[in-house]
């Protein structure tokens, strides 16, 4: 017997995955904006703008933590249903 929550129920880790996706998108947009001056032959952005690009990695890590949390919750639910 599998435990499948309803599609409208929030599962553990869902908020982390959504948050990580948003942070990743912000980092991706920052990367595009920071790289544009290199191709447009204009003055580059200051170094703190390059630091914002690191949000891509942070967002990926947050999403990965959400996926791991969701997997752990599913494993616990499967063990509980077998017992």
C-alpha atoms as a PDB file:
ATOM      1  CA  UNK A   1       0.000   0.000   0.000  1.00  0.00           C
ATOM      2  CA  UNK A   2       1.483   3.343  -0.993  1.00  0.00           C
ATOM      3  CA  UNK A   3       0.859   6.564   0.821  1.00  0.00           C
ATOM      4  CA  UNK A   4       0.072   9.262  -1.727  1.00  0.00           C
ATOM      5  CA  UNK A   5      -0.955  12.662  -0.424  1.00  0.00           C
ATOM      6  CA  UNK A   6      -3.561  14.653  -2.257  1.00  0.00           C
ATOM      7  CA  UNK A   7      -2.157  16.966  -4.896  1.00  0.00           C
ATOM      8  CA  UNK A   8      -3.239  20.078  -2.984  1.00  0.00           C
ATOM      9  CA  UNK A   9      -1.525  19.058   0.267  1.00  0.00           C
ATOM     10  CA  UNK A  10       1.874  20.543   1.050  1.00  0.00           C
ATOM     11  CA  UNK A  11       4.500  17.876   1.619  1.00  0.00           C
ATOM     12  CA  UNK A  12       7.683  18.210   3.651  1.00  0.00           C
ATOM     13  CA  UNK A  13      10.338  19.934   1.573  1.00  0.00           C
ATOM     14  CA  UNK A  14       7.964  21.585  -0.909  1.00  0.00           C
ATOM     15  CA  UNK A  15       8.585  25.054   0.488  1.00  0.00           C
ATOM     16  CA  UNK A  16      12.345  24.529   0.306  1.00  0.00           C
ATOM     17  CA  UNK A  17      12.145  23.445  -3.331  1.00  0.00           C
ATOM     18  CA  UNK A  18      10.022  26.470  -4.262  1.00  0.00           C
ATOM     19  CA  UNK A  19      12.279  28.854  -2.337  1.00  0.00           C
ATOM     20  CA  UNK A  20      15.364  27.330  -3.906  1.00  0.00           C
ATOM     21  CA  UNK A  21      13.874  27.720  -7.357  1.00  0.00           C
ATOM     22  CA  UNK A  22      13.173  31.391  -6.767  1.00  0.00           C
ATOM     23  CA  UNK A  23      16.663  32.014  -5.383  1.00  0.00           C
ATOM     24  CA  UNK A  24      18.173  30.149  -8.353  1.00  0.00           C
ATOM     25  CA  UNK A  25      16.190  32.272 -10.831  1.00  0.00           C
ATOM     26  CA  UNK A  26      17.330  35.479  -9.101  1.00  0.00           C
ATOM     27  CA  UNK A  27      20.919  34.264  -9.392  1.00  0.00           C
ATOM     28  CA  UNK A  28      20.455  33.349 -13.053  1.00  0.00           C
ATOM     29  CA  UNK A  29      19.041  36.784 -13.875  1.00  0.00           C
ATOM     30  CA  UNK A  30      21.913  38.392 -11.987  1.00  0.00           C
ATOM     31  CA  UNK A  31      24.364  36.290 -13.972  1.00  0.00           C
ATOM     32  CA  UNK A  32      22.826  37.381 -17.262  1.00  0.00           C
ATOM     33  CA  UNK A  33      22.818  41.024 -16.184  1.00  0.00           C
ATOM     34  CA  UNK A  34      26.401  40.827 -14.966  1.00  0.00           C
ATOM     35  CA  UNK A  35      27.658  39.149 -18.135  1.00  0.00           C
ATOM     36  CA  UNK A  36      25.865  41.553 -20.499  1.00  0.00           C
ATOM     37  CA  UNK A  37      28.392  44.414 -20.137  1.00  0.00           C
ATOM     38  CA  UNK A  38      31.156  42.065 -21.262  1.00  0.00           C
ATOM     39  CA  UNK A  39      29.390  41.557 -24.597  1.00  0.00           C
ATOM     40  CA  UNK A  40      27.999  45.083 -24.956  1.00  0.00           C
ATOM     41  CA  UNK A  41      31.396  46.761 -24.449  1.00  0.00           C
ATOM     42  CA  UNK A  42      30.250  48.962 -21.564  1.00  0.00           C
ATOM     43  CA  UNK A  43      31.582  49.508 -18.051  1.00  0.00           C
ATOM     44  CA  UNK A  44      31.326  46.270 -16.003  1.00  0.00           C
ATOM     45  CA  UNK A  45      29.299  46.081 -12.817  1.00  0.00           C
ATOM     46  CA  UNK A  46      31.038  46.327  -9.423  1.00  0.00           C
ATOM     47  CA  UNK A  47      32.251  43.200  -7.675  1.00  0.00           C
ATOM     48  CA  UNK A  48      29.225  42.910  -5.376  1.00  0.00           C
ATOM     49  CA  UNK A  49      27.075  42.294  -8.461  1.00  0.00           C
ATOM     50  CA  UNK A  50      29.215  39.256  -9.191  1.00  0.00           C
ATOM     51  CA  UNK A  51      28.555  38.009  -5.650  1.00  0.00           C
ATOM     52  CA  UNK A  52      24.801  38.016  -6.367  1.00  0.00           C
ATOM     53  CA  UNK A  53      25.503  35.485  -9.118  1.00  0.00           C
ATOM     54  CA  UNK A  54      26.402  33.007  -6.400  1.00  0.00           C
ATOM     55  CA  UNK A  55      22.706  32.784  -5.563  1.00  0.00           C
ATOM     56  CA  UNK A  56      22.391  30.207  -8.341  1.00  0.00           C
ATOM     57  CA  UNK A  57      24.425  27.748  -6.288  1.00  0.00           C
ATOM     58  CA  UNK A  58      22.668  28.692  -3.073  1.00  0.00           C
ATOM     59  CA  UNK A  59      19.266  28.152  -4.713  1.00  0.00           C
ATOM     60  CA  UNK A  60      20.366  24.776  -6.026  1.00  0.00           C
ATOM     61  CA  UNK A  61      21.524  23.750  -2.548  1.00  0.00           C
ATOM     62  CA  UNK A  62      18.241  24.876  -0.970  1.00  0.00           C
ATOM     63  CA  UNK A  63      16.253  22.898  -3.545  1.00  0.00           C
ATOM     64  CA  UNK A  64      18.423  19.838  -3.031  1.00  0.00           C
ATOM     65  CA  UNK A  65      17.795  20.036   0.724  1.00  0.00           C
ATOM     66  CA  UNK A  66      14.044  20.166   0.014  1.00  0.00           C
ATOM     67  CA  UNK A  67      14.228  17.106  -2.216  1.00  0.00           C
ATOM     68  CA  UNK A  68      16.194  15.196   0.425  1.00  0.00           C
ATOM     69  CA  UNK A  69      13.697  16.209   3.118  1.00  0.00           C
ATOM     70  CA  UNK A  70      10.810  15.049   0.940  1.00  0.00           C
ATOM     71  CA  UNK A  71      12.507  11.731   0.232  1.00  0.00           C
ATOM     72  CA  UNK A  72      13.150  11.166   3.934  1.00  0.00           C
ATOM     73  CA  UNK A  73       9.504  11.883   4.755  1.00  0.00           C
ATOM     74  CA  UNK A  74       8.354   9.439   2.085  1.00  0.00           C
ATOM     75  CA  UNK A  75      10.685   6.765   3.465  1.00  0.00           C
ATOM     76  CA  UNK A  76       9.330   7.305   6.984  1.00  0.00           C
ATOM     77  CA  UNK A  77       5.751   7.079   5.686  1.00  0.00           C
ATOM     78  CA  UNK A  78       6.530   3.870   3.796  1.00  0.00           C
ATOM     79  CA  UNK A  79       8.106   2.297   6.896  1.00  0.00           C
ATOM     80  CA  UNK A  80       5.147   3.341   9.030  1.00  0.00           C
ATOM     81  CA  UNK A  81       2.659   1.805   6.597  1.00  0.00           C
ATOM     82  CA  UNK A  82       4.563  -1.508   6.584  1.00  0.00           C
ATOM     83  CA  UNK A  83       4.663  -1.791  10.364  1.00  0.00           C
END
